[in-house]
């Protein structure tokens, strides 16, 4: 079995349901993973959109969610975890980073034009990271350098108004 990331809400390369977007409840989708590699001390999750603002002429990668220090014994994130839309709690000791809305928590797909891709990337790390006080994606990736054992990815798409 290989390290993998899935969701009950959508399949890899599938459409993200409206519920998990700015046009719905803006709730984080349920995620689960399996086959965490030996030696994993913590996990990190980054959700981003490399198609911003227009998939025909992308200019930036928009960051939707940043989590780190998820415990390796956790194997899932419940729906609507870690944001105002839900009451589910993040796993113990999990830390949040800031997204491109300048806040912590999940911010769902809300593409201004065209169908965008949303990459949910889960990293198995050989360390527990220091508390970085709500790091952005770049700071987290810098802290993870040299410590990534494995990466699992789930990609979904969304077209606003569809």
N, C-alpha and C. Protein backbone atom coordinates (compact mmCIF):
# COMPACT_ATOMS: atom_id res chain seq x y z
N UNK A 1 0.83 -1.18 0.00
CA UNK A 1 0.00 0.00 0.00
C UNK A 1 0.88 1.25 0.00
N UNK A 2 0.52 2.23 -0.80
CA UNK A 2 1.29 3.47 -0.85
C UNK A 2 0.55 4.59 -0.14
N UNK A 3 1.31 5.53 0.36
CA UNK A 3 0.78 6.71 1.03
C UNK A 3 -0.20 7.39 0.08
N UNK A 4 -1.45 7.58 0.52
CA UNK A 4 -2.44 8.18 -0.36
C UNK A 4 -3.42 9.04 0.42
N UNK A 5 -4.04 9.97 -0.29
CA UNK A 5 -5.01 10.91 0.27
C UNK A 5 -6.29 10.83 -0.54
N UNK A 6 -7.42 10.69 0.15
CA UNK A 6 -8.72 10.60 -0.52
C UNK A 6 -9.75 11.45 0.20
N UNK A 7 -10.92 11.58 -0.44
CA UNK A 7 -12.07 12.24 0.17
C UNK A 7 -13.33 11.48 -0.20
N UNK A 8 -14.27 11.42 0.72
CA UNK A 8 -15.57 10.84 0.42
C UNK A 8 -16.39 11.80 -0.44
N UNK A 9 -15.98 13.07 -0.49
CA UNK A 9 -16.75 14.10 -1.18
C UNK A 9 -16.48 14.18 -2.68
N UNK A 10 -15.26 13.83 -3.11
CA UNK A 10 -14.92 13.89 -4.53
C UNK A 10 -13.75 12.96 -4.81
N UNK A 11 -13.65 12.54 -6.06
CA UNK A 11 -12.56 11.66 -6.47
C UNK A 11 -11.40 12.47 -7.03
N UNK A 12 -10.24 11.84 -7.14
CA UNK A 12 -9.09 12.50 -7.75
C UNK A 12 -9.46 12.92 -9.17
N UNK A 13 -9.21 14.15 -9.51
CA UNK A 13 -9.55 14.78 -10.79
C UNK A 13 -11.05 15.05 -10.95
N UNK A 14 -11.82 14.82 -9.88
CA UNK A 14 -13.27 15.02 -9.95
C UNK A 14 -13.68 16.42 -9.52
N UNK A 15 -14.97 16.67 -9.67
CA UNK A 15 -15.57 17.96 -9.31
C UNK A 15 -15.75 18.06 -7.80
N UNK A 16 -15.30 19.18 -7.22
CA UNK A 16 -15.52 19.44 -5.80
C UNK A 16 -16.96 19.92 -5.64
N UNK A 17 -17.75 19.29 -4.78
CA UNK A 17 -19.14 19.71 -4.60
C UNK A 17 -19.25 21.15 -4.09
N UNK A 18 -20.30 21.83 -4.51
CA UNK A 18 -20.54 23.24 -4.17
C UNK A 18 -20.50 23.49 -2.66
N UNK A 19 -20.91 22.51 -1.87
CA UNK A 19 -20.92 22.64 -0.42
C UNK A 19 -19.57 23.10 0.14
N UNK A 20 -18.49 22.71 -0.52
CA UNK A 20 -17.14 22.98 -0.02
C UNK A 20 -16.52 24.22 -0.66
N UNK A 21 -17.36 25.09 -1.24
CA UNK A 21 -16.89 26.28 -1.95
C UNK A 21 -17.54 27.54 -1.39
N UNK A 22 -17.13 28.68 -1.93
CA UNK A 22 -17.70 29.97 -1.51
C UNK A 22 -19.16 30.09 -1.91
N UNK A 23 -19.62 29.26 -2.83
CA UNK A 23 -21.02 29.29 -3.25
C UNK A 23 -21.89 28.37 -2.39
N UNK A 24 -21.26 27.63 -1.51
CA UNK A 24 -21.98 26.72 -0.62
C UNK A 24 -21.73 27.10 0.82
N UNK A 25 -21.38 26.11 1.63
CA UNK A 25 -21.12 26.34 3.06
C UNK A 25 -19.67 26.74 3.34
N UNK A 26 -18.82 26.67 2.33
CA UNK A 26 -17.39 26.96 2.48
C UNK A 26 -16.78 26.08 3.57
N UNK A 27 -17.31 24.87 3.68
CA UNK A 27 -16.82 23.90 4.66
C UNK A 27 -15.68 23.09 4.05
N UNK A 28 -14.71 22.75 4.86
CA UNK A 28 -13.62 21.90 4.36
C UNK A 28 -14.17 20.51 4.06
N UNK A 29 -13.68 19.88 2.99
CA UNK A 29 -14.15 18.53 2.66
C UNK A 29 -13.54 17.51 3.62
N UNK A 30 -14.22 16.39 3.82
CA UNK A 30 -13.61 15.33 4.62
C UNK A 30 -12.43 14.75 3.86
N UNK A 31 -11.34 14.51 4.56
CA UNK A 31 -10.14 13.93 3.95
C UNK A 31 -9.68 12.76 4.81
N UNK A 32 -9.17 11.73 4.17
CA UNK A 32 -8.56 10.63 4.92
C UNK A 32 -7.35 10.11 4.15
N UNK A 33 -6.44 9.51 4.89
CA UNK A 33 -5.20 9.03 4.27
C UNK A 33 -4.87 7.67 4.85
N UNK A 34 -4.00 6.99 4.12
CA UNK A 34 -3.58 5.65 4.56
C UNK A 34 -2.13 5.41 4.20
N UNK A 35 -1.58 4.38 4.82
CA UNK A 35 -0.19 3.94 4.59
C UNK A 35 0.83 5.04 4.91
N UNK A 36 0.69 5.63 6.09
CA UNK A 36 1.66 6.63 6.53
C UNK A 36 3.02 5.94 6.64
N UNK A 37 4.05 6.51 6.03
CA UNK A 37 5.37 5.86 6.03
C UNK A 37 5.97 5.72 7.43
N UNK A 38 6.75 4.67 7.61
CA UNK A 38 7.49 4.49 8.85
C UNK A 38 8.40 5.70 9.06
N UNK A 39 8.55 6.10 10.30
CA UNK A 39 9.42 7.23 10.63
C UNK A 39 8.71 8.57 10.58
N UNK A 40 7.43 8.58 10.23
CA UNK A 40 6.68 9.84 10.18
C UNK A 40 6.44 10.35 11.59
N UNK A 41 6.84 11.60 11.83
CA UNK A 41 6.65 12.23 13.14
C UNK A 41 5.49 13.23 13.12
N UNK A 42 5.19 13.77 11.93
CA UNK A 42 4.06 14.69 11.78
C UNK A 42 3.68 14.76 10.31
N UNK A 43 2.50 15.35 10.07
CA UNK A 43 2.00 15.55 8.71
C UNK A 43 1.72 17.03 8.49
N UNK A 44 1.80 17.46 7.25
CA UNK A 44 1.45 18.83 6.89
C UNK A 44 0.52 18.77 5.68
N UNK A 45 -0.43 19.69 5.63
CA UNK A 45 -1.39 19.75 4.53
C UNK A 45 -1.39 21.15 3.94
N UNK A 46 -1.28 21.21 2.62
CA UNK A 46 -1.39 22.47 1.89
C UNK A 46 -2.42 22.25 0.79
N UNK A 47 -3.39 23.17 0.71
CA UNK A 47 -4.38 23.14 -0.36
C UNK A 47 -4.20 24.43 -1.15
N UNK A 48 -3.94 24.28 -2.45
CA UNK A 48 -3.74 25.48 -3.26
C UNK A 48 -4.27 25.32 -4.68
N UNK A 49 -4.37 26.44 -5.37
CA UNK A 49 -4.92 26.56 -6.72
C UNK A 49 -3.88 27.24 -7.60
N UNK A 50 -3.22 26.49 -8.50
CA UNK A 50 -2.20 27.09 -9.35
C UNK A 50 -2.76 27.83 -10.57
N UNK A 51 -4.07 27.91 -10.68
CA UNK A 51 -4.72 28.49 -11.87
C UNK A 51 -5.22 29.91 -11.67
N UNK A 52 -4.84 30.57 -10.59
CA UNK A 52 -5.36 31.91 -10.30
C UNK A 52 -4.66 32.99 -11.14
N UNK A 53 -5.38 34.00 -11.56
CA UNK A 53 -6.83 34.12 -11.43
C UNK A 53 -7.60 33.46 -12.59
N UNK A 54 -6.93 33.20 -13.70
CA UNK A 54 -7.57 32.65 -14.90
C UNK A 54 -6.76 31.45 -15.37
N UNK A 55 -7.38 30.26 -15.46
CA UNK A 55 -6.61 29.08 -15.86
C UNK A 55 -5.98 29.19 -17.26
N UNK A 56 -6.50 30.07 -18.09
CA UNK A 56 -5.90 30.27 -19.43
C UNK A 56 -4.66 31.15 -19.36
N UNK A 57 -4.52 31.91 -18.27
CA UNK A 57 -3.35 32.77 -18.08
C UNK A 57 -3.05 32.90 -16.59
N UNK A 58 -2.65 31.80 -15.95
CA UNK A 58 -2.42 31.86 -14.49
C UNK A 58 -1.26 32.79 -14.15
N UNK A 59 -1.43 33.52 -13.07
CA UNK A 59 -0.41 34.47 -12.63
C UNK A 59 0.13 34.15 -11.24
N UNK A 60 -0.59 33.29 -10.50
CA UNK A 60 -0.17 32.97 -9.14
C UNK A 60 -0.81 31.67 -8.67
N UNK A 61 -0.31 31.16 -7.58
CA UNK A 61 -0.93 30.02 -6.91
C UNK A 61 -1.62 30.57 -5.67
N UNK A 62 -2.94 30.37 -5.59
CA UNK A 62 -3.72 30.87 -4.46
C UNK A 62 -3.79 29.78 -3.39
N UNK A 63 -3.43 30.12 -2.16
CA UNK A 63 -3.38 29.17 -1.06
C UNK A 63 -4.71 29.19 -0.30
N UNK A 64 -5.33 28.01 -0.16
CA UNK A 64 -6.63 27.88 0.50
C UNK A 64 -6.57 27.37 1.93
N UNK A 65 -5.52 26.59 2.25
CA UNK A 65 -5.47 25.99 3.60
C UNK A 65 -4.05 25.55 3.88
N UNK A 66 -3.61 25.80 5.11
CA UNK A 66 -2.27 25.39 5.57
C UNK A 66 -2.41 24.81 6.98
N UNK A 67 -2.03 23.55 7.12
CA UNK A 67 -2.00 22.88 8.42
C UNK A 67 -0.65 22.19 8.57
N UNK A 68 -0.16 22.11 9.79
CA UNK A 68 1.07 21.36 10.05
C UNK A 68 1.02 20.76 11.44
N UNK A 69 1.95 19.84 11.68
CA UNK A 69 2.05 19.08 12.93
C UNK A 69 0.81 18.23 13.21
N UNK A 70 0.13 17.78 12.15
CA UNK A 70 -0.92 16.79 12.36
C UNK A 70 -0.22 15.53 12.88
N UNK A 71 -0.77 14.91 13.91
CA UNK A 71 -0.11 13.72 14.46
C UNK A 71 -0.21 12.54 13.50
N UNK A 72 0.84 11.72 13.40
CA UNK A 72 0.81 10.60 12.46
C UNK A 72 -0.26 9.57 12.78
N UNK A 73 -0.70 9.51 14.06
CA UNK A 73 -1.75 8.55 14.39
C UNK A 73 -3.13 8.98 13.89
N UNK A 74 -3.28 10.25 13.53
CA UNK A 74 -4.53 10.71 12.93
C UNK A 74 -4.58 10.18 11.49
N UNK A 75 -5.73 9.78 11.04
CA UNK A 75 -5.82 9.30 9.66
C UNK A 75 -6.91 10.01 8.88
N UNK A 76 -7.43 11.11 9.46
CA UNK A 76 -8.49 11.82 8.74
C UNK A 76 -8.71 13.23 9.30
N UNK A 77 -9.35 14.04 8.47
CA UNK A 77 -9.89 15.32 8.90
C UNK A 77 -11.38 15.27 8.60
N UNK A 78 -12.20 15.55 9.57
CA UNK A 78 -13.64 15.54 9.38
C UNK A 78 -14.08 16.70 8.49
N UNK A 79 -15.27 16.58 7.95
CA UNK A 79 -15.85 17.66 7.17
C UNK A 79 -16.00 18.90 8.06
N UNK A 80 -15.78 20.06 7.48
CA UNK A 80 -15.97 21.35 8.15
C UNK A 80 -15.09 21.50 9.39
N UNK A 81 -13.87 20.99 9.31
CA UNK A 81 -12.94 21.10 10.43
C UNK A 81 -12.11 22.38 10.29
N UNK A 82 -11.85 23.03 11.38
CA UNK A 82 -10.92 24.15 11.39
C UNK A 82 -11.41 25.41 10.71
N UNK A 83 -12.73 25.62 10.62
CA UNK A 83 -13.21 26.90 10.10
C UNK A 83 -14.56 27.22 10.70
N UNK A 84 -15.04 28.42 10.42
CA UNK A 84 -16.29 28.90 11.02
C UNK A 84 -17.49 28.06 10.59
N UNK A 85 -17.40 27.40 9.44
CA UNK A 85 -18.54 26.64 8.93
C UNK A 85 -18.80 25.36 9.71
N UNK A 86 -17.85 24.94 10.51
CA UNK A 86 -18.03 23.66 11.17
C UNK A 86 -17.67 23.66 12.64
N UNK A 87 -18.07 22.60 13.28
CA UNK A 87 -17.77 22.48 14.70
C UNK A 87 -16.74 21.39 14.98
N UNK A 88 -16.33 20.65 13.94
CA UNK A 88 -15.34 19.59 14.13
C UNK A 88 -13.99 20.20 14.50
N UNK A 89 -13.27 19.49 15.34
CA UNK A 89 -11.98 19.97 15.84
C UNK A 89 -10.83 19.37 15.04
N UNK A 90 -9.77 20.13 14.91
CA UNK A 90 -8.54 19.60 14.33
C UNK A 90 -7.94 18.60 15.31
N UNK A 91 -7.17 17.62 14.80
CA UNK A 91 -6.50 16.68 15.71
C UNK A 91 -5.60 17.43 16.70
N UNK A 92 -5.46 16.86 17.88
CA UNK A 92 -4.62 17.46 18.93
C UNK A 92 -3.23 17.79 18.37
N UNK A 93 -2.70 18.92 18.79
CA UNK A 93 -1.37 19.49 18.47
C UNK A 93 -1.24 20.01 17.05
N UNK A 94 -2.28 19.89 16.22
CA UNK A 94 -2.25 20.43 14.87
C UNK A 94 -2.19 21.96 14.93
N UNK A 95 -1.33 22.52 14.11
CA UNK A 95 -1.18 23.99 14.03
C UNK A 95 -1.70 24.46 12.67
N UNK A 96 -2.20 25.69 12.66
CA UNK A 96 -2.72 26.28 11.43
C UNK A 96 -1.80 27.36 10.90
N UNK A 97 -1.71 27.42 9.58
CA UNK A 97 -1.00 28.49 8.92
C UNK A 97 -2.00 29.44 8.29
N UNK A 98 -1.49 30.49 7.69
CA UNK A 98 -2.39 31.47 7.07
C UNK A 98 -2.55 31.18 5.58
N UNK A 99 -3.77 31.43 5.10
CA UNK A 99 -4.06 31.25 3.69
C UNK A 99 -3.95 32.61 2.97
N UNK A 100 -4.28 32.64 1.70
CA UNK A 100 -4.13 33.90 0.96
C UNK A 100 -5.26 34.90 1.20
N UNK A 101 -6.21 34.55 2.06
CA UNK A 101 -7.18 35.54 2.53
C UNK A 101 -6.64 36.23 3.77
N UNK A 102 -5.45 35.85 4.22
CA UNK A 102 -4.82 36.46 5.38
C UNK A 102 -5.40 35.99 6.70
N UNK A 103 -5.93 34.76 6.71
CA UNK A 103 -6.49 34.20 7.94
C UNK A 103 -6.16 32.72 8.01
N UNK A 104 -6.38 32.13 9.15
CA UNK A 104 -6.21 30.69 9.27
C UNK A 104 -7.51 30.01 8.88
N UNK A 105 -7.45 28.70 8.76
CA UNK A 105 -8.64 27.92 8.42
C UNK A 105 -8.77 27.71 6.93
N UNK A 106 -9.76 26.93 6.59
CA UNK A 106 -10.04 26.56 5.21
C UNK A 106 -10.81 27.68 4.52
N UNK A 107 -10.42 27.97 3.30
CA UNK A 107 -11.17 28.86 2.41
C UNK A 107 -11.42 28.09 1.14
N UNK A 108 -12.65 27.83 0.82
CA UNK A 108 -12.98 26.97 -0.31
C UNK A 108 -12.79 27.60 -1.68
N UNK A 109 -12.89 26.77 -2.71
CA UNK A 109 -12.78 27.25 -4.08
C UNK A 109 -13.76 28.39 -4.36
N UNK A 110 -13.27 29.40 -5.07
CA UNK A 110 -14.09 30.55 -5.44
C UNK A 110 -13.47 31.20 -6.67
N UNK A 111 -13.33 30.42 -7.75
CA UNK A 111 -12.60 30.94 -8.91
C UNK A 111 -13.34 32.09 -9.60
N UNK A 112 -12.62 33.17 -9.94
CA UNK A 112 -13.26 34.30 -10.58
C UNK A 112 -13.66 34.02 -12.04
N UNK A 113 -12.93 33.10 -12.68
CA UNK A 113 -13.21 32.77 -14.07
C UNK A 113 -12.68 31.36 -14.38
N UNK A 114 -13.44 30.60 -15.12
CA UNK A 114 -12.98 29.29 -15.59
C UNK A 114 -12.96 28.21 -14.52
N UNK A 115 -12.66 26.99 -14.98
CA UNK A 115 -12.53 25.83 -14.09
C UNK A 115 -11.10 25.77 -13.56
N UNK A 116 -10.99 25.77 -12.23
CA UNK A 116 -9.68 25.74 -11.57
C UNK A 116 -9.42 24.36 -10.96
N UNK A 117 -8.13 24.08 -10.75
CA UNK A 117 -7.70 22.84 -10.09
C UNK A 117 -7.27 23.17 -8.67
N UNK A 118 -7.67 22.31 -7.74
CA UNK A 118 -7.37 22.50 -6.32
C UNK A 118 -6.60 21.28 -5.83
N UNK A 119 -5.33 21.50 -5.50
CA UNK A 119 -4.43 20.43 -5.08
C UNK A 119 -4.40 20.35 -3.56
N UNK A 120 -4.76 19.18 -3.04
CA UNK A 120 -4.69 18.87 -1.61
C UNK A 120 -3.44 18.02 -1.44
N UNK A 121 -2.40 18.59 -0.84
CA UNK A 121 -1.11 17.92 -0.73
C UNK A 121 -0.80 17.62 0.73
N UNK A 122 -0.61 16.34 1.00
CA UNK A 122 -0.32 15.88 2.35
C UNK A 122 1.13 15.38 2.39
N UNK A 123 1.90 15.91 3.32
CA UNK A 123 3.31 15.57 3.44
C UNK A 123 3.56 14.80 4.74
N UNK A 124 4.28 13.70 4.65
CA UNK A 124 4.76 12.97 5.82
C UNK A 124 6.15 13.50 6.14
N UNK A 125 6.34 13.96 7.37
CA UNK A 125 7.61 14.58 7.77
C UNK A 125 8.31 13.74 8.84
N UNK A 126 9.63 13.82 8.85
CA UNK A 126 10.41 13.07 9.84
C UNK A 126 10.66 13.86 11.12
N UNK A 127 9.98 15.01 11.27
CA UNK A 127 10.11 15.85 12.46
C UNK A 127 8.74 16.43 12.83
N UNK A 128 8.66 16.92 14.07
CA UNK A 128 7.55 17.79 14.48
C UNK A 128 8.12 19.19 14.38
N UNK A 129 7.46 20.05 13.64
CA UNK A 129 7.97 21.40 13.41
C UNK A 129 7.75 22.29 14.64
N UNK A 130 8.63 23.27 14.80
CA UNK A 130 8.45 24.28 15.85
C UNK A 130 7.17 25.06 15.55
N UNK A 131 6.57 25.65 16.58
CA UNK A 131 5.41 26.51 16.37
C UNK A 131 5.88 27.75 15.61
N UNK A 132 5.34 27.94 14.42
CA UNK A 132 5.78 29.05 13.57
C UNK A 132 4.81 30.22 13.57
N UNK A 133 3.80 30.20 14.45
CA UNK A 133 2.87 31.31 14.59
C UNK A 133 2.19 31.66 13.26
N UNK A 134 1.37 30.74 12.78
CA UNK A 134 0.56 30.91 11.57
C UNK A 134 1.39 31.23 10.32
N UNK A 135 2.29 30.31 9.95
CA UNK A 135 3.13 30.54 8.77
C UNK A 135 2.31 30.51 7.49
N UNK A 136 2.80 31.21 6.47
CA UNK A 136 2.19 31.07 5.16
C UNK A 136 2.78 29.83 4.48
N UNK A 137 2.30 29.52 3.31
CA UNK A 137 2.75 28.32 2.59
C UNK A 137 4.26 28.34 2.38
N UNK A 138 4.82 29.47 1.97
CA UNK A 138 6.26 29.55 1.70
C UNK A 138 7.08 29.24 2.94
N UNK A 139 6.68 29.80 4.08
CA UNK A 139 7.42 29.56 5.33
C UNK A 139 7.33 28.09 5.73
N UNK A 140 6.14 27.50 5.55
CA UNK A 140 5.99 26.08 5.89
C UNK A 140 6.84 25.22 4.97
N UNK A 141 6.82 25.49 3.68
CA UNK A 141 7.63 24.70 2.75
C UNK A 141 9.12 24.83 3.06
N UNK A 142 9.55 26.00 3.46
CA UNK A 142 10.96 26.19 3.85
C UNK A 142 11.28 25.35 5.09
N UNK A 143 10.39 25.36 6.06
CA UNK A 143 10.61 24.58 7.29
C UNK A 143 10.61 23.07 7.02
N UNK A 144 9.87 22.65 6.01
CA UNK A 144 9.77 21.21 5.69
C UNK A 144 10.96 20.71 4.86
N UNK A 145 11.73 21.61 4.26
CA UNK A 145 12.84 21.20 3.39
C UNK A 145 13.75 20.20 4.09
N UNK A 146 14.03 19.10 3.39
CA UNK A 146 14.91 18.07 3.92
C UNK A 146 14.23 17.12 4.90
N UNK A 147 12.93 17.32 5.16
CA UNK A 147 12.23 16.50 6.14
C UNK A 147 11.03 15.75 5.57
N UNK A 148 10.79 15.86 4.26
CA UNK A 148 9.65 15.19 3.64
C UNK A 148 10.01 13.74 3.33
N UNK A 149 9.29 12.82 3.95
CA UNK A 149 9.48 11.39 3.70
C UNK A 149 8.66 10.96 2.49
N UNK A 150 7.43 11.48 2.40
CA UNK A 150 6.53 11.12 1.30
C UNK A 150 5.49 12.21 1.13
N UNK A 151 4.86 12.20 -0.05
CA UNK A 151 3.81 13.16 -0.37
C UNK A 151 2.65 12.42 -1.02
N UNK A 152 1.43 12.76 -0.60
CA UNK A 152 0.21 12.22 -1.22
C UNK A 152 -0.59 13.40 -1.73
N UNK A 153 -1.28 13.21 -2.84
CA UNK A 153 -1.98 14.33 -3.45
C UNK A 153 -3.36 13.92 -3.94
N UNK A 154 -4.30 14.82 -3.75
CA UNK A 154 -5.67 14.68 -4.24
C UNK A 154 -6.03 15.98 -4.95
N UNK A 155 -6.44 15.90 -6.21
CA UNK A 155 -6.78 17.11 -6.96
C UNK A 155 -8.25 17.07 -7.33
N UNK A 156 -8.94 18.18 -7.07
CA UNK A 156 -10.32 18.35 -7.49
C UNK A 156 -10.46 19.62 -8.28
N UNK A 157 -11.54 19.75 -9.03
CA UNK A 157 -11.76 20.94 -9.84
C UNK A 157 -13.06 21.62 -9.43
N UNK A 158 -13.16 22.91 -9.79
CA UNK A 158 -14.41 23.63 -9.55
C UNK A 158 -14.56 24.76 -10.56
N UNK A 159 -15.79 24.93 -11.03
CA UNK A 159 -16.18 26.01 -11.93
C UNK A 159 -17.32 26.75 -11.24
N UNK A 160 -17.11 28.00 -10.91
CA UNK A 160 -18.10 28.79 -10.19
C UNK A 160 -19.37 28.95 -11.04
N UNK A 161 -20.50 28.80 -10.37
CA UNK A 161 -21.77 28.98 -11.06
C UNK A 161 -22.21 27.78 -11.86
N UNK A 162 -21.43 26.72 -11.78
CA UNK A 162 -21.73 25.51 -12.55
C UNK A 162 -22.78 24.66 -11.86
